[in-house]
């Protein structure tokens, strides 16, 4: 199901109510589209958004590292979330029990390709 609404924003905060009658399952996405020529800045306020706060780093100190429990393993992969072909690559090198590095290549030939690495204790 798809519903489309058009709103005109102002310089001050406003409340908008959208009739979502007919949605019987959780929504997959809400898109905010701007078609205003030039630069437009707007803020959206909603309750319940997932938020991962940024973490600032400090000067490297190897003695500050914690040992991970359970001897996890490092894995890596590549995929696509788009309609194109997954032609990204990821080369992972694990040099020791404390370091690993990746070389990620994502060509600009189609959209949606991505690479990732994981530290985990297997599949559970």
PDB file of N, CA and C in Angstrom:
ATOM      1  N   UNK A   1       0.843  -1.163   0.000  1.00  0.00           N
ATOM      2  CA  UNK A   1       0.000   0.000   0.000  1.00  0.00           C
ATOM      3  C   UNK A   1       0.893   1.231   0.000  1.00  0.00           C
ATOM      4  N   UNK A   2       0.479   2.240  -0.694  1.00  0.00           N
ATOM      5  CA  UNK A   2       1.240   3.487  -0.781  1.00  0.00           C
ATOM      6  C   UNK A   2       0.285   4.653  -0.596  1.00  0.00           C
ATOM      7  N   UNK A   3       0.697   5.618   0.191  1.00  0.00           N
ATOM      8  CA  UNK A   3      -0.061   6.864   0.347  1.00  0.00           C
ATOM      9  C   UNK A   3       0.895   8.021   0.142  1.00  0.00           C
ATOM     10  N   UNK A   4       0.426   9.061  -0.492  1.00  0.00           N
ATOM     11  CA  UNK A   4       1.248  10.227  -0.772  1.00  0.00           C
ATOM     12  C   UNK A   4       0.569  11.458  -0.200  1.00  0.00           C
ATOM     13  N   UNK A   5       1.353  12.300   0.455  1.00  0.00           N
ATOM     14  CA  UNK A   5       0.859  13.544   1.033  1.00  0.00           C
ATOM     15  C   UNK A   5       1.795  14.666   0.614  1.00  0.00           C
ATOM     16  N   UNK A   6       1.233  15.836   0.368  1.00  0.00           N
ATOM     17  CA  UNK A   6       2.057  16.994   0.042  1.00  0.00           C
ATOM     18  C   UNK A   6       1.863  18.036   1.133  1.00  0.00           C
ATOM     19  N   UNK A   7       2.965  18.502   1.684  1.00  0.00           N
ATOM     20  CA  UNK A   7       2.910  19.537   2.718  1.00  0.00           C
ATOM     21  C   UNK A   7       3.774  20.714   2.293  1.00  0.00           C
ATOM     22  N   UNK A   8       3.406  21.889   2.753  1.00  0.00           N
ATOM     23  CA  UNK A   8       4.205  23.082   2.532  1.00  0.00           C
ATOM     24  C   UNK A   8       4.799  23.476   3.863  1.00  0.00           C
ATOM     25  N   UNK A   9       6.103  23.505   3.927  1.00  0.00           N
ATOM     26  CA  UNK A   9       6.791  23.789   5.180  1.00  0.00           C
ATOM     27  C   UNK A   9       6.927  25.292   5.384  1.00  0.00           C
ATOM     28  N   UNK A  10       7.057  25.663   6.639  1.00  0.00           N
ATOM     29  CA  UNK A  10       7.269  27.074   6.975  1.00  0.00           C
ATOM     30  C   UNK A  10       8.529  27.185   7.822  1.00  0.00           C
ATOM     31  N   UNK A  11       8.884  28.389   8.196  1.00  0.00           N
ATOM     32  CA  UNK A  11      10.096  28.620   8.995  1.00  0.00           C
ATOM     33  C   UNK A  11       9.908  28.219  10.453  1.00  0.00           C
ATOM     34  N   UNK A  12       8.676  28.021  10.898  1.00  0.00           N
ATOM     35  CA  UNK A  12       8.422  27.632  12.285  1.00  0.00           C
ATOM     36  C   UNK A  12       7.912  26.194  12.336  1.00  0.00           C
ATOM     37  N   UNK A  13       7.963  25.600  13.538  1.00  0.00           N
ATOM     38  CA  UNK A  13       7.490  24.228  13.701  1.00  0.00           C
ATOM     39  C   UNK A  13       5.990  24.146  13.450  1.00  0.00           C
ATOM     40  N   UNK A  14       5.579  23.035  12.819  1.00  0.00           N
ATOM     41  CA  UNK A  14       4.173  22.769  12.574  1.00  0.00           C
ATOM     42  C   UNK A  14       3.906  21.299  12.851  1.00  0.00           C
ATOM     43  N   UNK A  15       2.677  20.971  13.209  1.00  0.00           N
ATOM     44  CA  UNK A  15       2.249  19.580  13.351  1.00  0.00           C
ATOM     45  C   UNK A  15       1.465  19.186  12.111  1.00  0.00           C
ATOM     46  N   UNK A  16       1.725  18.000  11.600  1.00  0.00           N
ATOM     47  CA  UNK A  16       0.980  17.449  10.475  1.00  0.00           C
ATOM     48  C   UNK A  16       0.424  16.105  10.904  1.00  0.00           C
ATOM     49  N   UNK A  17      -0.800  15.812  10.546  1.00  0.00           N
ATOM     50  CA  UNK A  17      -1.431  14.530  10.816  1.00  0.00           C
ATOM     51  C   UNK A  17      -1.752  13.873   9.487  1.00  0.00           C
ATOM     52  N   UNK A  18      -1.348  12.628   9.333  1.00  0.00           N
ATOM     53  CA  UNK A  18      -1.562  11.916   8.081  1.00  0.00           C
ATOM     54  C   UNK A  18      -2.501  10.743   8.322  1.00  0.00           C
ATOM     55  N   UNK A  19      -3.489  10.585   7.470  1.00  0.00           N
ATOM     56  CA  UNK A  19      -4.447   9.492   7.577  1.00  0.00           C
ATOM     57  C   UNK A  19      -3.805   8.220   7.031  1.00  0.00           C
ATOM     58  N   UNK A  20      -3.480   7.307   7.924  1.00  0.00           N
ATOM     59  CA  UNK A  20      -2.835   6.056   7.537  1.00  0.00           C
ATOM     60  C   UNK A  20      -3.801   4.877   7.592  1.00  0.00           C
ATOM     61  N   UNK A  21      -5.081   5.156   7.465  1.00  0.00           N
ATOM     62  CA  UNK A  21      -6.098   4.117   7.438  1.00  0.00           C
ATOM     63  C   UNK A  21      -5.779   3.122   6.329  1.00  0.00           C
ATOM     64  N   UNK A  22      -5.852   1.854   6.641  1.00  0.00           N
ATOM     65  CA  UNK A  22      -5.585   0.824   5.652  1.00  0.00           C
ATOM     66  C   UNK A  22      -4.253   0.124   5.850  1.00  0.00           C
ATOM     67  N   UNK A  23      -3.354   0.734   6.598  1.00  0.00           N
ATOM     68  CA  UNK A  23      -2.094   0.060   6.891  1.00  0.00           C
ATOM     69  C   UNK A  23      -2.367  -0.994   7.964  1.00  0.00           C
ATOM     70  N   UNK A  24      -2.182  -2.249   7.607  1.00  0.00           N
ATOM     71  CA  UNK A  24      -2.445  -3.326   8.562  1.00  0.00           C
ATOM     72  C   UNK A  24      -1.164  -3.960   9.081  1.00  0.00           C
ATOM     73  N   UNK A  25      -0.050  -3.626   8.466  1.00  0.00           N
ATOM     74  CA  UNK A  25       1.244  -4.114   8.931  1.00  0.00           C
ATOM     75  C   UNK A  25       2.159  -2.921   9.142  1.00  0.00           C
ATOM     76  N   UNK A  26       3.287  -3.170   9.734  1.00  0.00           N
ATOM     77  CA  UNK A  26       4.242  -2.088   9.974  1.00  0.00           C
ATOM     78  C   UNK A  26       4.697  -1.477   8.651  1.00  0.00           C
ATOM     79  N   UNK A  27       4.867  -0.171   8.651  1.00  0.00           N
ATOM     80  CA  UNK A  27       5.346   0.511   7.454  1.00  0.00           C
ATOM     81  C   UNK A  27       6.819   0.201   7.243  1.00  0.00           C
ATOM     82  N   UNK A  28       7.223   0.078   5.998  1.00  0.00           N
ATOM     83  CA  UNK A  28       8.619  -0.196   5.678  1.00  0.00           C
ATOM     84  C   UNK A  28       9.433   1.079   5.622  1.00  0.00           C
ATOM     85  N   UNK A  29       8.810   2.187   5.205  1.00  0.00           N
ATOM     86  CA  UNK A  29       9.582   3.419   5.043  1.00  0.00           C
ATOM     87  C   UNK A  29       8.657   4.618   4.965  1.00  0.00           C
ATOM     88  N   UNK A  30       9.196   5.739   5.349  1.00  0.00           N
ATOM     89  CA  UNK A  30       8.555   7.033   5.145  1.00  0.00           C
ATOM     90  C   UNK A  30       9.588   7.890   4.424  1.00  0.00           C
ATOM     91  N   UNK A  31       9.258   8.364   3.245  1.00  0.00           N
ATOM     92  CA  UNK A  31      10.184   9.166   2.452  1.00  0.00           C
ATOM     93  C   UNK A  31       9.818  10.636   2.555  1.00  0.00           C
ATOM     94  N   UNK A  32      10.806  11.478   2.707  1.00  0.00           N
ATOM     95  CA  UNK A  32      10.638  12.920   2.685  1.00  0.00           C
ATOM     96  C   UNK A  32      11.347  13.413   1.436  1.00  0.00           C
ATOM     97  N   UNK A  33      10.598  13.949   0.506  1.00  0.00           N
ATOM     98  CA  UNK A  33      11.137  14.362  -0.783  1.00  0.00           C
ATOM     99  C   UNK A  33      11.039  15.875  -0.894  1.00  0.00           C
ATOM    100  N   UNK A  34      12.137  16.502  -1.286  1.00  0.00           N
ATOM    101  CA  UNK A  34      12.149  17.941  -1.523  1.00  0.00           C
ATOM    102  C   UNK A  34      12.348  18.173  -3.007  1.00  0.00           C
ATOM    103  N   UNK A  35      11.478  18.982  -3.604  1.00  0.00           N
ATOM    104  CA  UNK A  35      11.658  19.318  -5.015  1.00  0.00           C
ATOM    105  C   UNK A  35      11.822  20.825  -5.196  1.00  0.00           C
ATOM    106  N   UNK A  36      12.209  21.499  -4.133  1.00  0.00           N
ATOM    107  CA  UNK A  36      12.452  22.937  -4.156  1.00  0.00           C
ATOM    108  C   UNK A  36      13.804  23.198  -4.815  1.00  0.00           C
ATOM    109  N   UNK A  37      13.822  24.044  -5.837  1.00  0.00           N
ATOM    110  CA  UNK A  37      15.087  24.380  -6.494  1.00  0.00           C
ATOM    111  C   UNK A  37      15.981  25.122  -5.517  1.00  0.00           C
ATOM    112  N   UNK A  38      17.247  24.781  -5.482  1.00  0.00           N
ATOM    113  CA  UNK A  38      18.188  25.414  -4.563  1.00  0.00           C
ATOM    114  C   UNK A  38      18.377  24.565  -3.313  1.00  0.00           C
ATOM    115  N   UNK A  39      18.926  25.175  -2.292  1.00  0.00           N
ATOM    116  CA  UNK A  39      19.199  24.479  -1.041  1.00  0.00           C
ATOM    117  C   UNK A  39      18.037  24.652  -0.083  1.00  0.00           C
ATOM    118  N   UNK A  40      17.559  23.545   0.464  1.00  0.00           N
ATOM    119  CA  UNK A  40      16.472  23.577   1.436  1.00  0.00           C
ATOM    120  C   UNK A  40      16.913  22.808   2.660  1.00  0.00           C
ATOM    121  N   UNK A  41      16.671  23.359   3.820  1.00  0.00           N
ATOM    122  CA  UNK A  41      17.010  22.690   5.068  1.00  0.00           C
ATOM    123  C   UNK A  41      15.738  22.524   5.874  1.00  0.00           C
ATOM    124  N   UNK A  42      15.490  21.328   6.362  1.00  0.00           N
ATOM    125  CA  UNK A  42      14.316  21.100   7.205  1.00  0.00           C
ATOM    126  C   UNK A  42      14.628  20.054   8.257  1.00  0.00           C
ATOM    127  N   UNK A  43      13.879  20.111   9.348  1.00  0.00           N
ATOM    128  CA  UNK A  43      14.041  19.184  10.458  1.00  0.00           C
ATOM    129  C   UNK A  43      12.738  18.430  10.655  1.00  0.00           C
ATOM    130  N   UNK A  44      12.836  17.127  10.841  1.00  0.00           N
ATOM    131  CA  UNK A  44      11.669  16.286  11.099  1.00  0.00           C
ATOM    132  C   UNK A  44      11.771  15.783  12.527  1.00  0.00           C
ATOM    133  N   UNK A  45      10.689  15.892  13.272  1.00  0.00           N
ATOM    134  CA  UNK A  45      10.644  15.382  14.643  1.00  0.00           C
ATOM    135  C   UNK A  45       9.613  14.266  14.704  1.00  0.00           C
ATOM    136  N   UNK A  46      10.000  13.115  15.218  1.00  0.00           N
ATOM    137  CA  UNK A  46       9.104  11.971  15.346  1.00  0.00           C
ATOM    138  C   UNK A  46       9.491  11.196  16.594  1.00  0.00           C
ATOM    139  N   UNK A  47       8.563  10.485  17.145  1.00  0.00           N
ATOM    140  CA  UNK A  47       8.850   9.654  18.320  1.00  0.00           C
ATOM    141  C   UNK A  47       9.207   8.244  17.884  1.00  0.00           C
ATOM    142  N   UNK A  48      10.129   7.624  18.614  1.00  0.00           N
ATOM    143  CA  UNK A  48      10.434   6.217  18.394  1.00  0.00           C
ATOM    144  C   UNK A  48      11.460   5.926  17.320  1.00  0.00           C
ATOM    145  N   UNK A  49      12.198   6.945  16.861  1.00  0.00           N
ATOM    146  CA  UNK A  49      13.220   6.687  15.845  1.00  0.00           C
ATOM    147  C   UNK A  49      14.410   5.949  16.449  1.00  0.00           C
ATOM    148  N   UNK A  50      14.956   5.033  15.686  1.00  0.00           N
ATOM    149  CA  UNK A  50      16.203   4.398  16.088  1.00  0.00           C
ATOM    150  C   UNK A  50      17.295   5.438  15.948  1.00  0.00           C
ATOM    151  N   UNK A  51      18.202   5.497  16.892  1.00  0.00           N
ATOM    152  CA  UNK A  51      19.263   6.498  16.853  1.00  0.00           C
ATOM    153  C   UNK A  51      20.547   5.898  17.387  1.00  0.00           C
ATOM    154  N   UNK A  52      21.578   5.979  16.597  1.00  0.00           N
ATOM    155  CA  UNK A  52      22.898   5.524  17.025  1.00  0.00           C
ATOM    156  C   UNK A  52      23.764   6.768  17.152  1.00  0.00           C
ATOM    157  N   UNK A  53      24.057   7.178  18.382  1.00  0.00           N
ATOM    158  CA  UNK A  53      24.822   8.412  18.563  1.00  0.00           C
ATOM    159  C   UNK A  53      26.266   8.246  18.080  1.00  0.00           C
ATOM    160  N   UNK A  54      26.832   9.312  17.549  1.00  0.00           N
ATOM    161  CA  UNK A  54      28.237   9.226  17.135  1.00  0.00           C
ATOM    162  C   UNK A  54      29.149   9.060  18.343  1.00  0.00           C
ATOM    163  N   UNK A  55      30.249   8.370  18.136  1.00  0.00           N
ATOM    164  CA  UNK A  55      31.226   8.151  19.195  1.00  0.00           C
ATOM    165  C   UNK A  55      32.504   8.869  18.797  1.00  0.00           C
ATOM    166  N   UNK A  56      32.989   9.713  19.665  1.00  0.00           N
ATOM    167  CA  UNK A  56      34.228  10.421  19.367  1.00  0.00           C
ATOM    168  C   UNK A  56      35.408   9.608  19.876  1.00  0.00           C
ATOM    169  N   UNK A  57      36.478   9.645  19.140  1.00  0.00           N
ATOM    170  CA  UNK A  57      37.664   8.885  19.506  1.00  0.00           C
ATOM    171  C   UNK A  57      38.617   9.708  20.353  1.00  0.00           C
ATOM    172  N   UNK A  58      39.529   9.021  20.966  1.00  0.00           N
ATOM    173  CA  UNK A  58      40.591   9.662  21.730  1.00  0.00           C
ATOM    174  C   UNK A  58      41.922   9.159  21.192  1.00  0.00           C
ATOM    175  N   UNK A  59      43.002   9.650  21.704  1.00  0.00           N
ATOM    176  CA  UNK A  59      44.327   9.207  21.294  1.00  0.00           C
ATOM    177  C   UNK A  59      44.459   7.703  21.534  1.00  0.00           C
ATOM    178  N   UNK A  60      45.021   6.995  20.550  1.00  0.00           N
ATOM    179  CA  UNK A  60      45.154   5.540  20.639  1.00  0.00           C
ATOM    180  C   UNK A  60      45.988   5.141  21.850  1.00  0.00           C
ATOM    181  N   UNK A  61      45.455   4.159  22.595  1.00  0.00           N
ATOM    182  CA  UNK A  61      46.142   3.625  23.763  1.00  0.00           C
ATOM    183  C   UNK A  61      45.856   2.124  23.792  1.00  0.00           C
ATOM    184  N   UNK A  62      46.803   1.303  23.368  1.00  0.00           N
ATOM    185  CA  UNK A  62      46.577  -0.138  23.269  1.00  0.00           C
ATOM    186  C   UNK A  62      46.196  -0.752  24.612  1.00  0.00           C
ATOM    187  N   UNK A  63      46.708  -0.243  25.706  1.00  0.00           N
ATOM    188  CA  UNK A  63      46.392  -0.816  27.017  1.00  0.00           C
ATOM    189  C   UNK A  63      44.946  -0.552  27.421  1.00  0.00           C
ATOM    190  N   UNK A  64      44.247   0.340  26.713  1.00  0.00           N
ATOM    191  CA  UNK A  64      42.844   0.615  27.025  1.00  0.00           C
ATOM    192  C   UNK A  64      41.886  -0.379  26.354  1.00  0.00           C
ATOM    193  N   UNK A  65      42.403  -1.246  25.471  1.00  0.00           N
ATOM    194  CA  UNK A  65      41.553  -2.229  24.804  1.00  0.00           C
ATOM    195  C   UNK A  65      41.083  -3.299  25.783  1.00  0.00           C
ATOM    196  N   UNK A  66      39.836  -3.711  25.625  1.00  0.00           N
ATOM    197  CA  UNK A  66      39.284  -4.792  26.437  1.00  0.00           C
ATOM    198  C   UNK A  66      39.330  -6.088  25.638  1.00  0.00           C
ATOM    199  N   UNK A  67      39.525  -7.197  26.320  1.00  0.00           N
ATOM    200  CA  UNK A  67      39.500  -8.502  25.665  1.00  0.00           C
ATOM    201  C   UNK A  67      38.057  -8.923  25.461  1.00  0.00           C
ATOM    202  N   UNK A  68      37.724  -9.301  24.223  1.00  0.00           N
ATOM    203  CA  UNK A  68      36.372  -9.773  23.933  1.00  0.00           C
ATOM    204  C   UNK A  68      36.198 -11.176  24.501  1.00  0.00           C
ATOM    205  N   UNK A  69      35.062 -11.471  25.104  1.00  0.00           N
ATOM    206  CA  UNK A  69      34.839 -12.804  25.678  1.00  0.00           C
ATOM    207  C   UNK A  69      34.515 -13.829  24.598  1.00  0.00           C
ATOM    208  N   UNK A  70      34.822 -15.077  24.861  1.00  0.00           N
ATOM    209  CA  UNK A  70      34.352 -16.173  24.023  1.00  0.00           C
ATOM    210  C   UNK A  70      35.083 -16.377  22.713  1.00  0.00           C
ATOM    211  N   UNK A  71      36.197 -15.756  22.482  1.00  0.00           N
ATOM    212  CA  UNK A  71      36.998 -15.910  21.271  1.00  0.00           C
ATOM    213  C   UNK A  71      36.151 -15.793  19.996  1.00  0.00           C
ATOM    214  N   UNK A  72      35.620 -14.609  19.720  1.00  0.00           N
ATOM    215  CA  UNK A  72      34.812 -14.438  18.516  1.00  0.00           C
ATOM    216  C   UNK A  72      35.664 -14.498  17.252  1.00  0.00           C
ATOM    217  N   UNK A  73      35.022 -14.706  16.124  1.00  0.00           N
ATOM    218  CA  UNK A  73      35.716 -14.754  14.842  1.00  0.00           C
ATOM    219  C   UNK A  73      35.342 -13.544  13.995  1.00  0.00           C
ATOM    220  N   UNK A  74      36.177 -13.244  13.018  1.00  0.00           N
ATOM    221  CA  UNK A  74      35.946 -12.139  12.100  1.00  0.00           C
ATOM    222  C   UNK A  74      35.489 -12.712  10.768  1.00  0.00           C
ATOM    223  N   UNK A  75      34.412 -12.177  10.224  1.00  0.00           N
ATOM    224  CA  UNK A  75      33.931 -12.576   8.907  1.00  0.00           C
ATOM    225  C   UNK A  75      33.673 -11.315   8.091  1.00  0.00           C
ATOM    226  N   UNK A  76      33.590 -11.488   6.797  1.00  0.00           N
ATOM    227  CA  UNK A  76      33.280 -10.355   5.932  1.00  0.00           C
ATOM    228  C   UNK A  76      32.536 -10.859   4.707  1.00  0.00           C
ATOM    229  N   UNK A  77      31.826  -9.944   4.069  1.00  0.00           N
ATOM    230  CA  UNK A  77      31.066 -10.308   2.874  1.00  0.00           C
ATOM    231  C   UNK A  77      30.708  -9.050   2.100  1.00  0.00           C
ATOM    232  N   UNK A  78      30.106  -9.250   0.946  1.00  0.00           N
ATOM    233  CA  UNK A  78      29.607  -8.139   0.138  1.00  0.00           C
ATOM    234  C   UNK A  78      28.275  -8.559  -0.452  1.00  0.00           C
ATOM    235  N   UNK A  79      27.457  -7.573  -0.775  1.00  0.00           N
ATOM    236  CA  UNK A  79      26.118  -7.855  -1.289  1.00  0.00           C
ATOM    237  C   UNK A  79      25.585  -6.618  -1.983  1.00  0.00           C
ATOM    238  N   UNK A  80      24.346  -6.710  -2.426  1.00  0.00           N
ATOM    239  CA  UNK A  80      23.673  -5.552  -2.997  1.00  0.00           C
ATOM    240  C   UNK A  80      22.262  -5.474  -2.457  1.00  0.00           C
ATOM    241  N   UNK A  81      21.821  -4.261  -2.207  1.00  0.00           N
ATOM    242  CA  UNK A  81      20.444  -4.037  -1.797  1.00  0.00           C
ATOM    243  C   UNK A  81      19.669  -3.438  -2.957  1.00  0.00           C
ATOM    244  N   UNK A  82      20.345  -3.190  -4.055  1.00  0.00           N
ATOM    245  CA  UNK A  82      19.721  -2.587  -5.223  1.00  0.00           C
ATOM    246  C   UNK A  82      19.292  -3.635  -6.221  1.00  0.00           C
ATOM    247  N   UNK A  83      18.918  -3.167  -7.383  1.00  0.00           N
ATOM    248  CA  UNK A  83      18.465  -4.078  -8.437  1.00  0.00           C
ATOM    249  C   UNK A  83      19.603  -4.505  -9.347  1.00  0.00           C
ATOM    250  N   UNK A  84      20.773  -3.935  -9.142  1.00  0.00           N
ATOM    251  CA  UNK A  84      21.921  -4.253  -9.987  1.00  0.00           C
ATOM    252  C   UNK A  84      22.622  -5.525  -9.555  1.00  0.00           C
ATOM    253  N   UNK A  85      23.772  -5.732 -10.131  1.00  0.00           N
ATOM    254  CA  UNK A  85      24.594  -6.900  -9.831  1.00  0.00           C
ATOM    255  C   UNK A  85      25.536  -6.580  -8.680  1.00  0.00           C
ATOM    256  N   UNK A  86      25.735  -7.538  -7.803  1.00  0.00           N
ATOM    257  CA  UNK A  86      26.701  -7.349  -6.714  1.00  0.00           C
ATOM    258  C   UNK A  86      28.092  -7.505  -7.302  1.00  0.00           C
ATOM    259  N   UNK A  87      28.720  -6.363  -7.617  1.00  0.00           N
ATOM    260  CA  UNK A  87      30.074  -6.423  -8.146  1.00  0.00           C
ATOM    261  C   UNK A  87      31.067  -5.712  -7.231  1.00  0.00           C
ATOM    262  N   UNK A  88      30.712  -5.602  -5.955  1.00  0.00           N
ATOM    263  CA  UNK A  88      31.649  -5.071  -4.967  1.00  0.00           C
ATOM    264  C   UNK A  88      32.564  -6.201  -4.502  1.00  0.00           C
ATOM    265  N   UNK A  89      33.700  -5.820  -3.946  1.00  0.00           N
ATOM    266  CA  UNK A  89      34.626  -6.819  -3.413  1.00  0.00           C
ATOM    267  C   UNK A  89      35.116  -6.371  -2.045  1.00  0.00           C
ATOM    268  N   UNK A  90      35.476  -7.335  -1.234  1.00  0.00           N
ATOM    269  CA  UNK A  90      36.045  -7.057   0.078  1.00  0.00           C
ATOM    270  C   UNK A  90      37.129  -8.091   0.340  1.00  0.00           C
ATOM    271  N   UNK A  91      38.334  -7.611   0.546  1.00  0.00           N
ATOM    272  CA  UNK A  91      39.454  -8.485   0.878  1.00  0.00           C
ATOM    273  C   UNK A  91      39.805  -8.263   2.334  1.00  0.00           C
ATOM    274  N   UNK A  92      39.682  -9.317   3.117  1.00  0.00           N
ATOM    275  CA  UNK A  92      39.944  -9.237   4.561  1.00  0.00           C
ATOM    276  C   UNK A  92      41.248  -9.946   4.879  1.00  0.00           C
ATOM    277  N   UNK A  93      42.035  -9.318   5.735  1.00  0.00           N
ATOM    278  CA  UNK A  93      43.283  -9.912   6.206  1.00  0.00           C
ATOM    279  C   UNK A  93      43.297  -9.841   7.716  1.00  0.00           C
ATOM    280  N   UNK A  94      43.487 -10.981   8.363  1.00  0.00           N
ATOM    281  CA  UNK A  94      43.615 -10.994   9.814  1.00  0.00           C
ATOM    282  C   UNK A  94      45.066 -11.290  10.137  1.00  0.00           C
ATOM    283  N   UNK A  95      45.767 -10.272  10.660  1.00  0.00           N
ATOM    284  CA  UNK A  95      47.205 -10.376  10.894  1.00  0.00           C
ATOM    285  C   UNK A  95      47.550 -11.034  12.213  1.00  0.00           C
ATOM    286  N   UNK A  96      46.610 -11.015  13.160  1.00  0.00           N
ATOM    287  CA  UNK A  96      46.907 -11.564  14.484  1.00  0.00           C
ATOM    288  C   UNK A  96      45.604 -11.773  15.237  1.00  0.00           C
ATOM    289  N   UNK A  97      45.714 -12.127  16.501  1.00  0.00           N
ATOM    290  CA  UNK A  97      44.528 -12.280  17.350  1.00  0.00           C
ATOM    291  C   UNK A  97      43.984 -10.935  17.808  1.00  0.00           C
ATOM    292  N   UNK A  98      44.636  -9.839  17.385  1.00  0.00           N
ATOM    293  CA  UNK A  98      44.185  -8.519  17.826  1.00  0.00           C
ATOM    294  C   UNK A  98      43.842  -7.563  16.690  1.00  0.00           C
ATOM    295  N   UNK A  99      44.216  -7.872  15.452  1.00  0.00           N
ATOM    296  CA  UNK A  99      43.949  -6.924  14.362  1.00  0.00           C
ATOM    297  C   UNK A  99      43.462  -7.621  13.100  1.00  0.00           C
ATOM    298  N   UNK A 100      42.613  -6.919  12.371  1.00  0.00           N
ATOM    299  CA  UNK A 100      42.239  -7.323  11.027  1.00  0.00           C
ATOM    300  C   UNK A 100      42.043  -6.058  10.214  1.00  0.00           C
ATOM    301  N   UNK A 101      42.180  -6.195   8.899  1.00  0.00           N
ATOM    302  CA  UNK A 101      41.981  -5.046   8.026  1.00  0.00           C
ATOM    303  C   UNK A 101      41.204  -5.479   6.796  1.00  0.00           C
ATOM    304  N   UNK A 102      40.547  -4.507   6.167  1.00  0.00           N
ATOM    305  CA  UNK A 102      39.743  -4.765   4.983  1.00  0.00           C
ATOM    306  C   UNK A 102      40.099  -3.779   3.890  1.00  0.00           C
ATOM    307  N   UNK A 103      40.012  -4.238   2.666  1.00  0.00           N
ATOM    308  CA  UNK A 103      40.063  -3.367   1.497  1.00  0.00           C
ATOM    309  C   UNK A 103      38.726  -3.550   0.793  1.00  0.00           C
ATOM    310  N   UNK A 104      37.927  -2.489   0.802  1.00  0.00           N
ATOM    311  CA  UNK A 104      36.581  -2.522   0.251  1.00  0.00           C
ATOM    312  C   UNK A 104      36.556  -1.758  -1.064  1.00  0.00           C
ATOM    313  N   UNK A 105      36.023  -2.397  -2.105  1.00  0.00           N
ATOM    314  CA  UNK A 105      35.879  -1.744  -3.399  1.00  0.00           C
ATOM    315  C   UNK A 105      34.422  -1.828  -3.833  1.00  0.00           C
ATOM    316  N   UNK A 106      33.818  -0.661  -4.006  1.00  0.00           N
ATOM    317  CA  UNK A 106      32.436  -0.586  -4.458  1.00  0.00           C
ATOM    318  C   UNK A 106      32.420   0.246  -5.733  1.00  0.00           C
ATOM    319  N   UNK A 107      32.308  -0.394  -6.896  1.00  0.00           N
ATOM    320  CA  UNK A 107      32.325   0.349  -8.145  1.00  0.00           C
ATOM    321  C   UNK A 107      31.064   1.194  -8.297  1.00  0.00           C
ATOM    322  N   UNK A 108      31.155   2.245  -9.052  1.00  0.00           N
ATOM    323  CA  UNK A 108      30.015   3.138  -9.239  1.00  0.00           C
ATOM    324  C   UNK A 108      29.104   2.733 -10.369  1.00  0.00           C
ATOM    325  N   UNK A 109      29.144   1.455 -10.760  1.00  0.00           N
ATOM    326  CA  UNK A 109      28.362   1.022 -11.921  1.00  0.00           C
ATOM    327  C   UNK A 109      26.881   0.811 -11.630  1.00  0.00           C
ATOM    328  N   UNK A 110      26.529   0.516 -10.395  1.00  0.00           N
ATOM    329  CA  UNK A 110      25.115   0.440 -10.036  1.00  0.00           C
ATOM    330  C   UNK A 110      24.970   0.812  -8.567  1.00  0.00           C
ATOM    331  N   UNK A 111      23.757   1.030  -8.129  1.00  0.00           N
ATOM    332  CA  UNK A 111      23.543   1.466  -6.754  1.00  0.00           C
ATOM    333  C   UNK A 111      23.158   0.293  -5.875  1.00  0.00           C
ATOM    334  N   UNK A 112      23.430   0.440  -4.600  1.00  0.00           N
ATOM    335  CA  UNK A 112      23.004  -0.555  -3.632  1.00  0.00           C
ATOM    336  C   UNK A 112      24.082  -1.506  -3.167  1.00  0.00           C
ATOM    337  N   UNK A 113      25.223  -1.548  -3.833  1.00  0.00           N
ATOM    338  CA  UNK A 113      26.288  -2.455  -3.401  1.00  0.00           C
ATOM    339  C   UNK A 113      26.871  -1.996  -2.070  1.00  0.00           C
ATOM    340  N   UNK A 114      27.284  -2.951  -1.236  1.00  0.00           N
ATOM    341  CA  UNK A 114      27.907  -2.621   0.044  1.00  0.00           C
ATOM    342  C   UNK A 114      28.795  -3.770   0.491  1.00  0.00           C
ATOM    343  N   UNK A 115      29.696  -3.458   1.419  1.00  0.00           N
ATOM    344  CA  UNK A 115      30.548  -4.471   2.034  1.00  0.00           C
ATOM    345  C   UNK A 115      30.412  -4.348   3.548  1.00  0.00           C
ATOM    346  N   UNK A 116      30.726  -5.416   4.256  1.00  0.00           N
ATOM    347  CA  UNK A 116      30.659  -5.356   5.722  1.00  0.00           C
ATOM    348  C   UNK A 116      31.550  -6.420   6.339  1.00  0.00           C
ATOM    349  N   UNK A 117      31.957  -6.173   7.568  1.00  0.00           N
ATOM    350  CA  UNK A 117      32.659  -7.164   8.366  1.00  0.00           C
ATOM    351  C   UNK A 117      32.005  -7.245   9.735  1.00  0.00           C
ATOM    352  N   UNK A 118      32.152  -8.400  10.343  1.00  0.00           N
ATOM    353  CA  UNK A 118      31.481  -8.677  11.599  1.00  0.00           C
ATOM    354  C   UNK A 118      32.437  -9.385  12.547  1.00  0.00           C
ATOM    355  N   UNK A 119      32.360  -9.012  13.808  1.00  0.00           N
ATOM    356  CA  UNK A 119      33.020  -9.779  14.868  1.00  0.00           C
ATOM    357  C   UNK A 119      31.881 -10.467  15.621  1.00  0.00           C
ATOM    358  N   UNK A 120      31.877 -11.808  15.613  1.00  0.00           N
ATOM    359  CA  UNK A 120      30.757 -12.492  16.256  1.00  0.00           C
ATOM    360  C   UNK A 120      31.192 -13.865  16.796  1.00  0.00           C
ATOM    361  N   UNK A 121      30.275 -14.462  17.485  1.00  0.00           N
ATOM    362  CA  UNK A 121      30.498 -15.764  18.102  1.00  0.00           C
ATOM    363  C   UNK A 121      29.790 -16.865  17.317  1.00  0.00           C
ATOM    364  N   UNK A 122      29.579 -16.655  16.040  1.00  0.00           N
ATOM    365  CA  UNK A 122      28.902 -17.628  15.195  1.00  0.00           C
ATOM    366  C   UNK A 122      27.479 -17.199  14.918  1.00  0.00           C
ATOM    367  N   UNK A 123      26.712 -18.128  14.412  1.00  0.00           N
ATOM    368  CA  UNK A 123      25.334 -17.835  14.027  1.00  0.00           C
ATOM    369  C   UNK A 123      24.414 -18.330  15.129  1.00  0.00           C
ATOM    370  N   UNK A 124      23.670 -17.419  15.703  1.00  0.00           N
ATOM    371  CA  UNK A 124      22.766 -17.788  16.796  1.00  0.00           C
ATOM    372  C   UNK A 124      21.459 -17.090  16.690  1.00  0.00           C
TER     373      UNK A 124
END
